[in-house]
C-alpha cells in the first residue's frame, strides 16, 4: 500500500458511515506508516544536530585562528646557564 492508497483508505474511513473497505492488513499498514514518519523525524533531528555541531566547530575554529598570537622567545635549559652536569643533577659535590 503506497501513500496515495493509504490516504484514500483513510478518507474512506472518515466518510459518513465508515463504508470504506480498509482490508485485512490495514492495522499493520497504519503502524508501518507511523514507523516511517517517526524514522523520518529522527533522521531530520540527527541531520539538524549534525549541522549545528558542524557550525559551532567551524565558528570556534575561525574564532580561534583569528585571535592574536603571543610569541615568546624559545627557552632552552642549556642556554639559560643552568648546569646540567650529572654531578649537579645527582647532588654530588666534586
PDB file of N, CA and C in Angstrom:
ATOM      1  N   UNK A   1       0.854  -1.167   0.000  1.00  0.00           N
ATOM      2  CA  UNK A   1       0.000   0.000   0.000  1.00  0.00           C
ATOM      3  C   UNK A   1       0.906   1.238   0.000  1.00  0.00           C
ATOM      4  N   UNK A   2       0.826   2.047  -1.030  1.00  0.00           N
ATOM      5  CA  UNK A   2       1.631   3.258  -1.087  1.00  0.00           C
ATOM      6  C   UNK A   2       0.899   4.407  -0.391  1.00  0.00           C
ATOM      7  N   UNK A   3       1.536   5.561  -0.352  1.00  0.00           N
ATOM      8  CA  UNK A   3       0.959   6.712   0.354  1.00  0.00           C
ATOM      9  C   UNK A   3      -0.384   7.140  -0.230  1.00  0.00           C
ATOM     10  N   UNK A   4      -0.508   7.088  -1.547  1.00  0.00           N
ATOM     11  CA  UNK A   4      -1.754   7.504  -2.187  1.00  0.00           C
ATOM     12  C   UNK A   4      -2.915   6.584  -1.782  1.00  0.00           C
ATOM     13  N   UNK A   5      -2.688   5.280  -1.846  1.00  0.00           N
ATOM     14  CA  UNK A   5      -3.723   4.330  -1.456  1.00  0.00           C
ATOM     15  C   UNK A   5      -4.055   4.464   0.031  1.00  0.00           C
ATOM     16  N   UNK A   6      -3.026   4.685   0.826  1.00  0.00           N
ATOM     17  CA  UNK A   6      -3.228   4.840   2.264  1.00  0.00           C
ATOM     18  C   UNK A   6      -4.090   6.065   2.572  1.00  0.00           C
ATOM     19  N   UNK A   7      -3.784   7.175   1.918  1.00  0.00           N
ATOM     20  CA  UNK A   7      -4.581   8.390   2.117  1.00  0.00           C
ATOM     21  C   UNK A   7      -6.027   8.191   1.667  1.00  0.00           C
ATOM     22  N   UNK A   8      -6.223   7.524   0.540  1.00  0.00           N
ATOM     23  CA  UNK A   8      -7.583   7.240   0.070  1.00  0.00           C
ATOM     24  C   UNK A   8      -8.346   6.358   1.054  1.00  0.00           C
ATOM     25  N   UNK A   9      -7.674   5.383   1.599  1.00  0.00           N
ATOM     26  CA  UNK A   9      -8.310   4.489   2.569  1.00  0.00           C
ATOM     27  C   UNK A   9      -8.716   5.259   3.819  1.00  0.00           C
ATOM     28  N   UNK A  10      -7.861   6.154   4.279  1.00  0.00           N
ATOM     29  CA  UNK A  10      -8.200   6.975   5.445  1.00  0.00           C
ATOM     30  C   UNK A  10      -9.375   7.895   5.147  1.00  0.00           C
ATOM     31  N   UNK A  11      -9.420   8.440   3.931  1.00  0.00           N
ATOM     32  CA  UNK A  11     -10.548   9.294   3.545  1.00  0.00           C
ATOM     33  C   UNK A  11     -11.851   8.499   3.534  1.00  0.00           C
ATOM     34  N   UNK A  12     -11.793   7.270   3.027  1.00  0.00           N
ATOM     35  CA  UNK A  12     -12.980   6.415   3.005  1.00  0.00           C
ATOM     36  C   UNK A  12     -13.460   6.091   4.414  1.00  0.00           C
ATOM     37  N   UNK A  13     -12.516   5.827   5.317  1.00  0.00           N
ATOM     38  CA  UNK A  13     -12.896   5.513   6.693  1.00  0.00           C
ATOM     39  C   UNK A  13     -13.481   6.727   7.409  1.00  0.00           C
ATOM     40  N   UNK A  14     -13.060   7.908   7.021  1.00  0.00           N
ATOM     41  CA  UNK A  14     -13.570   9.130   7.641  1.00  0.00           C
ATOM     42  C   UNK A  14     -14.917   9.538   7.062  1.00  0.00           C
ATOM     43  N   UNK A  15     -15.416   8.766   6.113  1.00  0.00           N
ATOM     44  CA  UNK A  15     -16.704   9.067   5.490  1.00  0.00           C
ATOM     45  C   UNK A  15     -17.844   9.019   6.500  1.00  0.00           C
ATOM     46  N   UNK A  16     -19.058   9.305   6.029  1.00  0.00           N
ATOM     47  CA  UNK A  16     -20.206   9.417   6.940  1.00  0.00           C
ATOM     48  C   UNK A  16     -20.494   8.150   7.736  1.00  0.00           C
ATOM     49  N   UNK A  17     -20.422   7.014   7.131  1.00  0.00           N
ATOM     50  CA  UNK A  17     -20.758   5.792   7.862  1.00  0.00           C
ATOM     51  C   UNK A  17     -19.570   4.849   7.956  1.00  0.00           C
ATOM     52  N   UNK A  18     -18.425   5.293   7.545  1.00  0.00           N
ATOM     53  CA  UNK A  18     -17.266   4.416   7.564  1.00  0.00           C
ATOM     54  C   UNK A  18     -17.434   3.238   6.636  1.00  0.00           C
ATOM     55  N   UNK A  19     -17.938   3.492   5.430  1.00  0.00           N
ATOM     56  CA  UNK A  19     -18.256   2.416   4.494  1.00  0.00           C
ATOM     57  C   UNK A  19     -17.036   1.909   3.746  1.00  0.00           C
ATOM     58  N   UNK A  20     -15.909   2.551   3.918  1.00  0.00           N
ATOM     59  CA  UNK A  20     -14.724   2.158   3.168  1.00  0.00           C
ATOM     60  C   UNK A  20     -14.216   0.790   3.579  1.00  0.00           C
ATOM     61  N   UNK A  21     -13.619   0.098   2.636  1.00  0.00           N
ATOM     62  CA  UNK A  21     -13.059  -1.220   2.910  1.00  0.00           C
ATOM     63  C   UNK A  21     -11.572  -1.041   3.193  1.00  0.00           C
ATOM     64  N   UNK A  22     -11.204  -1.200   4.438  1.00  0.00           N
ATOM     65  CA  UNK A  22      -9.821  -0.975   4.839  1.00  0.00           C
ATOM     66  C   UNK A  22      -8.946  -2.174   4.522  1.00  0.00           C
ATOM     67  N   UNK A  23      -9.482  -3.322   4.432  1.00  0.00           N
ATOM     68  CA  UNK A  23      -8.681  -4.501   4.150  1.00  0.00           C
ATOM     69  C   UNK A  23      -8.173  -5.129   5.440  1.00  0.00           C
ATOM     70  N   UNK A  24      -7.663  -6.331   5.303  1.00  0.00           N
ATOM     71  CA  UNK A  24      -7.244  -7.081   6.488  1.00  0.00           C
ATOM     72  C   UNK A  24      -5.914  -6.598   7.062  1.00  0.00           C
ATOM     73  N   UNK A  25      -5.080  -5.989   6.245  1.00  0.00           N
ATOM     74  CA  UNK A  25      -3.765  -5.561   6.700  1.00  0.00           C
ATOM     75  C   UNK A  25      -3.709  -4.071   7.019  1.00  0.00           C
ATOM     76  N   UNK A  26      -4.855  -3.438   7.166  1.00  0.00           N
ATOM     77  CA  UNK A  26      -4.883  -2.001   7.383  1.00  0.00           C
ATOM     78  C   UNK A  26      -4.177  -1.617   8.683  1.00  0.00           C
ATOM     79  N   UNK A  27      -4.408  -2.357   9.745  1.00  0.00           N
ATOM     80  CA  UNK A  27      -3.810  -2.048  11.037  1.00  0.00           C
ATOM     81  C   UNK A  27      -2.278  -2.098  10.950  1.00  0.00           C
ATOM     82  N   UNK A  28      -1.763  -3.128  10.317  1.00  0.00           N
ATOM     83  CA  UNK A  28      -0.306  -3.257  10.164  1.00  0.00           C
ATOM     84  C   UNK A  28       0.246  -2.127   9.303  1.00  0.00           C
ATOM     85  N   UNK A  29      -0.480  -1.750   8.272  1.00  0.00           N
ATOM     86  CA  UNK A  29      -0.024  -0.669   7.400  1.00  0.00           C
ATOM     87  C   UNK A  29      -0.011   0.671   8.133  1.00  0.00           C
ATOM     88  N   UNK A  30      -1.000   0.878   9.015  1.00  0.00           N
ATOM     89  CA  UNK A  30      -1.033   2.125   9.790  1.00  0.00           C
ATOM     90  C   UNK A  30       0.211   2.213  10.663  1.00  0.00           C
ATOM     91  N   UNK A  31       0.549   1.137  11.369  1.00  0.00           N
ATOM     92  CA  UNK A  31       1.726   1.164  12.233  1.00  0.00           C
ATOM     93  C   UNK A  31       3.012   1.265  11.430  1.00  0.00           C
ATOM     94  N   UNK A  32       3.023   0.670  10.244  1.00  0.00           N
ATOM     95  CA  UNK A  32       4.196   0.803   9.376  1.00  0.00           C
ATOM     96  C   UNK A  32       4.381   2.261   8.953  1.00  0.00           C
ATOM     97  N   UNK A  33       3.287   2.908   8.610  1.00  0.00           N
ATOM     98  CA  UNK A  33       3.341   4.319   8.205  1.00  0.00           C
ATOM     99  C   UNK A  33       3.781   5.202   9.368  1.00  0.00           C
ATOM    100  N   UNK A  34       3.288   4.927  10.563  1.00  0.00           N
ATOM    101  CA  UNK A  34       3.707   5.682  11.748  1.00  0.00           C
ATOM    102  C   UNK A  34       5.199   5.488  11.988  1.00  0.00           C
ATOM    103  N   UNK A  35       5.683   4.257  11.828  1.00  0.00           N
ATOM    104  CA  UNK A  35       7.110   3.988  11.975  1.00  0.00           C
ATOM    105  C   UNK A  35       7.945   4.756  10.972  1.00  0.00           C
ATOM    106  N   UNK A  36       7.468   4.838   9.741  1.00  0.00           N
ATOM    107  CA  UNK A  36       8.184   5.602   8.715  1.00  0.00           C
ATOM    108  C   UNK A  36       8.238   7.083   9.067  1.00  0.00           C
ATOM    109  N   UNK A  37       7.126   7.607   9.584  1.00  0.00           N
ATOM    110  CA  UNK A  37       7.085   9.018   9.941  1.00  0.00           C
ATOM    111  C   UNK A  37       8.030   9.311  11.113  1.00  0.00           C
ATOM    112  N   UNK A  38       8.064   8.421  12.101  1.00  0.00           N
ATOM    113  CA  UNK A  38       8.959   8.601  13.246  1.00  0.00           C
ATOM    114  C   UNK A  38      10.407   8.506  12.795  1.00  0.00           C
ATOM    115  N   UNK A  39      10.710   7.569  11.915  1.00  0.00           N
ATOM    116  CA  UNK A  39      12.070   7.417  11.406  1.00  0.00           C
ATOM    117  C   UNK A  39      12.513   8.660  10.636  1.00  0.00           C
ATOM    118  N   UNK A  40      11.622   9.210   9.834  1.00  0.00           N
ATOM    119  CA  UNK A  40      11.953  10.430   9.081  1.00  0.00           C
ATOM    120  C   UNK A  40      12.193  11.598  10.037  1.00  0.00           C
ATOM    121  N   UNK A  41      11.374  11.700  11.090  1.00  0.00           N
ATOM    122  CA  UNK A  41      11.560  12.771  12.068  1.00  0.00           C
ATOM    123  C   UNK A  41      12.901  12.628  12.785  1.00  0.00           C
ATOM    124  N   UNK A  42      13.252  11.397  13.172  1.00  0.00           N
ATOM    125  CA  UNK A  42      14.536  11.168  13.840  1.00  0.00           C
ATOM    126  C   UNK A  42      15.706  11.467  12.914  1.00  0.00           C
ATOM    127  N   UNK A  43      15.545  11.134  11.652  1.00  0.00           N
ATOM    128  CA  UNK A  43      16.602  11.406  10.677  1.00  0.00           C
ATOM    129  C   UNK A  43      16.802  12.914  10.507  1.00  0.00           C
ATOM    130  N   UNK A  44      15.700  13.665  10.447  1.00  0.00           N
ATOM    131  CA  UNK A  44      15.814  15.123  10.352  1.00  0.00           C
ATOM    132  C   UNK A  44      16.469  15.705  11.603  1.00  0.00           C
ATOM    133  N   UNK A  45      16.101  15.174  12.756  1.00  0.00           N
ATOM    134  CA  UNK A  45      16.680  15.662  14.011  1.00  0.00           C
ATOM    135  C   UNK A  45      18.189  15.426  14.048  1.00  0.00           C
ATOM    136  N   UNK A  46      18.622  14.231  13.614  1.00  0.00           N
ATOM    137  CA  UNK A  46      20.060  13.941  13.587  1.00  0.00           C
ATOM    138  C   UNK A  46      20.787  14.844  12.594  1.00  0.00           C
ATOM    139  N   UNK A  47      20.159  15.117  11.461  1.00  0.00           N
ATOM    140  CA  UNK A  47      20.790  15.991  10.466  1.00  0.00           C
ATOM    141  C   UNK A  47      20.933  17.410  11.003  1.00  0.00           C
ATOM    142  N   UNK A  48      19.901  17.909  11.665  1.00  0.00           N
ATOM    143  CA  UNK A  48      19.971  19.262  12.226  1.00  0.00           C
ATOM    144  C   UNK A  48      21.016  19.324  13.326  1.00  0.00           C
ATOM    145  N   UNK A  49      21.076  18.296  14.175  1.00  0.00           N
ATOM    146  CA  UNK A  49      22.071  18.269  15.240  1.00  0.00           C
ATOM    147  C   UNK A  49      23.480  18.218  14.662  1.00  0.00           C
ATOM    148  N   UNK A  50      23.676  17.427  13.619  1.00  0.00           N
ATOM    149  CA  UNK A  50      24.984  17.365  12.970  1.00  0.00           C
ATOM    150  C   UNK A  50      25.385  18.693  12.362  1.00  0.00           C
ATOM    151  N   UNK A  51      24.435  19.363  11.727  1.00  0.00           N
ATOM    152  CA  UNK A  51      24.741  20.680  11.155  1.00  0.00           C
ATOM    153  C   UNK A  51      25.048  21.699  12.243  1.00  0.00           C
ATOM    154  N   UNK A  52      24.342  21.626  13.368  1.00  0.00           N
ATOM    155  CA  UNK A  52      24.606  22.554  14.468  1.00  0.00           C
ATOM    156  C   UNK A  52      25.994  22.320  15.050  1.00  0.00           C
ATOM    157  N   UNK A  53      26.367  21.071  15.226  1.00  0.00           N
ATOM    158  CA  UNK A  53      27.710  20.767  15.738  1.00  0.00           C
ATOM    159  C   UNK A  53      28.765  21.237  14.755  1.00  0.00           C
ATOM    160  N   UNK A  54      28.529  21.025  13.478  1.00  0.00           N
ATOM    161  CA  UNK A  54      29.480  21.482  12.455  1.00  0.00           C
ATOM    162  C   UNK A  54      29.622  23.002  12.487  1.00  0.00           C
ATOM    163  N   UNK A  55      28.499  23.717  12.604  1.00  0.00           N
ATOM    164  CA  UNK A  55      28.547  25.179  12.621  1.00  0.00           C
ATOM    165  C   UNK A  55      29.285  25.690  13.851  1.00  0.00           C
ATOM    166  N   UNK A  56      29.044  25.082  14.995  1.00  0.00           N
ATOM    167  CA  UNK A  56      29.743  25.502  16.218  1.00  0.00           C
ATOM    168  C   UNK A  56      31.233  25.220  16.096  1.00  0.00           C
ATOM    169  N   UNK A  57      31.593  24.046  15.578  1.00  0.00           N
ATOM    170  CA  UNK A  57      33.001  23.712  15.416  1.00  0.00           C
ATOM    171  C   UNK A  57      33.681  24.643  14.412  1.00  0.00           C
ATOM    172  N   UNK A  58      33.002  24.945  13.339  1.00  0.00           N
ATOM    173  CA  UNK A  58      33.570  25.848  12.337  1.00  0.00           C
ATOM    174  C   UNK A  58      33.732  27.254  12.903  1.00  0.00           C
ATOM    175  N   UNK A  59      32.716  27.726  13.618  1.00  0.00           N
ATOM    176  CA  UNK A  59      32.804  29.053  14.231  1.00  0.00           C
ATOM    177  C   UNK A  59      33.907  29.128  15.269  1.00  0.00           C
ATOM    178  N   UNK A  60      34.054  28.082  16.045  1.00  0.00           N
ATOM    179  CA  UNK A  60      35.120  28.046  17.043  1.00  0.00           C
ATOM    180  C   UNK A  60      36.479  28.041  16.370  1.00  0.00           C
ATOM    181  N   UNK A  61      36.612  27.253  15.324  1.00  0.00           N
ATOM    182  CA  UNK A  61      37.885  27.202  14.613  1.00  0.00           C
ATOM    183  C   UNK A  61      38.249  28.531  13.986  1.00  0.00           C
ATOM    184  N   UNK A  62      37.291  29.209  13.400  1.00  0.00           N
ATOM    185  CA  UNK A  62      37.559  30.511  12.793  1.00  0.00           C
ATOM    186  C   UNK A  62      37.878  31.536  13.877  1.00  0.00           C
ATOM    187  N   UNK A  63      37.150  31.483  14.984  1.00  0.00           N
ATOM    188  CA  UNK A  63      37.392  32.428  16.076  1.00  0.00           C
ATOM    189  C   UNK A  63      38.748  32.249  16.714  1.00  0.00           C
ATOM    190  N   UNK A  64      39.196  31.019  16.841  1.00  0.00           N
ATOM    191  CA  UNK A  64      40.485  30.753  17.473  1.00  0.00           C
ATOM    192  C   UNK A  64      41.626  31.151  16.547  1.00  0.00           C
ATOM    193  N   UNK A  65      41.497  30.875  15.272  1.00  0.00           N
ATOM    194  CA  UNK A  65      42.602  31.176  14.362  1.00  0.00           C
ATOM    195  C   UNK A  65      42.745  32.667  14.107  1.00  0.00           C
ATOM    196  N   UNK A  66      41.683  33.437  14.313  1.00  0.00           N
ATOM    197  CA  UNK A  66      41.766  34.877  14.082  1.00  0.00           C
ATOM    198  C   UNK A  66      42.237  35.644  15.310  1.00  0.00           C
ATOM    199  N   UNK A  67      42.406  34.978  16.433  1.00  0.00           N
ATOM    200  CA  UNK A  67      42.859  35.676  17.629  1.00  0.00           C
ATOM    201  C   UNK A  67      44.358  35.954  17.522  1.00  0.00           C
ATOM    202  N   UNK A  68      44.817  37.060  18.103  1.00  0.00           N
ATOM    203  CA  UNK A  68      46.240  37.386  18.007  1.00  0.00           C
ATOM    204  C   UNK A  68      47.082  36.382  18.795  1.00  0.00           C
ATOM    205  N   UNK A  69      48.208  36.044  18.237  1.00  0.00           N
ATOM    206  CA  UNK A  69      49.109  35.096  18.885  1.00  0.00           C
ATOM    207  C   UNK A  69      50.199  35.854  19.621  1.00  0.00           C
ATOM    208  N   UNK A  70      50.579  35.359  20.757  1.00  0.00           N
ATOM    209  CA  UNK A  70      51.657  35.969  21.535  1.00  0.00           C
ATOM    210  C   UNK A  70      52.891  35.096  21.384  1.00  0.00           C
ATOM    211  N   UNK A  71      53.893  35.653  20.771  1.00  0.00           N
ATOM    212  CA  UNK A  71      55.121  34.896  20.550  1.00  0.00           C
ATOM    213  C   UNK A  71      56.052  35.088  21.741  1.00  0.00           C
ATOM    214  N   UNK A  72      56.605  34.005  22.214  1.00  0.00           N
ATOM    215  CA  UNK A  72      57.589  34.057  23.282  1.00  0.00           C
ATOM    216  C   UNK A  72      58.899  33.522  22.741  1.00  0.00           C
ATOM    217  N   UNK A  73      59.944  34.029  23.274  1.00  0.00           N
ATOM    218  CA  UNK A  73      61.253  33.543  22.859  1.00  0.00           C
ATOM    219  C   UNK A  73      61.440  32.108  23.307  1.00  0.00           C
ATOM    220  N   UNK A  74      62.139  31.372  22.509  1.00  0.00           N
ATOM    221  CA  UNK A  74      62.388  29.979  22.839  1.00  0.00           C
ATOM    222  C   UNK A  74      63.370  29.899  23.995  1.00  0.00           C
ATOM    223  N   UNK A  75      63.031  29.075  24.965  1.00  0.00           N
ATOM    224  CA  UNK A  75      63.910  28.900  26.116  1.00  0.00           C
ATOM    225  C   UNK A  75      64.462  27.493  26.097  1.00  0.00           C
ATOM    226  N   UNK A  76      65.718  27.394  26.242  1.00  0.00           N
ATOM    227  CA  UNK A  76      66.345  26.080  26.380  1.00  0.00           C
ATOM    228  C   UNK A  76      67.146  26.084  27.668  1.00  0.00           C
ATOM    229  N   UNK A  77      67.169  24.972  28.317  1.00  0.00           N
ATOM    230  CA  UNK A  77      67.867  24.871  29.595  1.00  0.00           C
ATOM    231  C   UNK A  77      69.369  25.043  29.424  1.00  0.00           C
ATOM    232  N   UNK A  78      69.907  24.679  28.292  1.00  0.00           N
ATOM    233  CA  UNK A  78      71.343  24.804  28.077  1.00  0.00           C
ATOM    234  C   UNK A  78      71.750  26.258  27.885  1.00  0.00           C
ATOM    235  N   UNK A  79      70.890  27.076  27.325  1.00  0.00           N
ATOM    236  CA  UNK A  79      71.227  28.466  27.070  1.00  0.00           C
ATOM    237  C   UNK A  79      70.975  29.346  28.290  1.00  0.00           C
ATOM    238  N   UNK A  80      70.245  28.873  29.283  1.00  0.00           N
ATOM    239  CA  UNK A  80      69.930  29.676  30.457  1.00  0.00           C
ATOM    240  C   UNK A  80      71.069  29.698  31.475  1.00  0.00           C
ATOM    241  N   UNK A  81      72.101  28.966  31.247  1.00  0.00           N
ATOM    242  CA  UNK A  81      73.202  28.935  32.187  1.00  0.00           C
ATOM    243  C   UNK A  81      73.004  27.890  33.275  1.00  0.00           C
ATOM    244  N   UNK A  82      71.991  27.104  33.170  1.00  0.00           N
ATOM    245  CA  UNK A  82      71.747  26.057  34.154  1.00  0.00           C
ATOM    246  C   UNK A  82      72.761  24.953  33.944  1.00  0.00           C
ATOM    247  N   UNK A  83      73.345  24.558  35.025  1.00  0.00           N
ATOM    248  CA  UNK A  83      74.336  23.490  34.948  1.00  0.00           C
ATOM    249  C   UNK A  83      73.620  22.155  35.017  1.00  0.00           C
ATOM    250  N   UNK A  84      73.682  21.404  33.948  1.00  0.00           N
ATOM    251  CA  UNK A  84      73.012  20.123  33.873  1.00  0.00           C
ATOM    252  C   UNK A  84      73.999  18.957  33.897  1.00  0.00           C
ATOM    253  N   UNK A  85      75.109  19.164  34.557  1.00  0.00           N
ATOM    254  CA  UNK A  85      76.084  18.076  34.629  1.00  0.00           C
ATOM    255  C   UNK A  85      75.540  16.976  35.531  1.00  0.00           C
ATOM    256  N   UNK A  86      75.976  15.764  35.336  1.00  0.00           N
ATOM    257  CA  UNK A  86      75.490  14.653  36.154  1.00  0.00           C
ATOM    258  C   UNK A  86      75.745  14.859  37.646  1.00  0.00           C
ATOM    259  N   UNK A  87      76.853  15.487  38.002  1.00  0.00           N
ATOM    260  CA  UNK A  87      77.158  15.687  39.418  1.00  0.00           C
ATOM    261  C   UNK A  87      76.144  16.621  40.067  1.00  0.00           C
ATOM    262  N   UNK A  88      75.729  17.678  39.355  1.00  0.00           N
ATOM    263  CA  UNK A  88      74.755  18.610  39.904  1.00  0.00           C
ATOM    264  C   UNK A  88      73.375  17.958  39.974  1.00  0.00           C
ATOM    265  N   UNK A  89      73.026  17.196  38.947  1.00  0.00           N
ATOM    266  CA  UNK A  89      71.720  16.561  38.926  1.00  0.00           C
ATOM    267  C   UNK A  89      71.589  15.501  40.009  1.00  0.00           C
ATOM    268  N   UNK A  90      72.690  14.846  40.372  1.00  0.00           N
ATOM    269  CA  UNK A  90      72.672  13.821  41.407  1.00  0.00           C
ATOM    270  C   UNK A  90      73.034  14.396  42.781  1.00  0.00           C
ATOM    271  N   UNK A  91      73.216  15.699  42.845  1.00  0.00           N
ATOM    272  CA  UNK A  91      73.589  16.396  44.079  1.00  0.00           C
ATOM    273  C   UNK A  91      74.871  15.831  44.680  1.00  0.00           C
ATOM    274  N   UNK A  92      75.823  15.595  43.841  1.00  0.00           N
ATOM    275  CA  UNK A  92      77.134  15.084  44.285  1.00  0.00           C
ATOM    276  C   UNK A  92      78.121  16.235  44.197  1.00  0.00           C
ATOM    277  N   UNK A  93      78.847  16.442  45.243  1.00  0.00           N
ATOM    278  CA  UNK A  93      79.861  17.515  45.178  1.00  0.00           C
ATOM    279  C   UNK A  93      81.130  16.965  44.587  1.00  0.00           C
ATOM    280  N   UNK A  94      81.819  17.742  43.709  1.00  0.00           N
ATOM    281  CA  UNK A  94      83.036  17.237  43.046  1.00  0.00           C
ATOM    282  C   UNK A  94      84.231  17.201  43.981  1.00  0.00           C
TER     283      UNK A  94
END
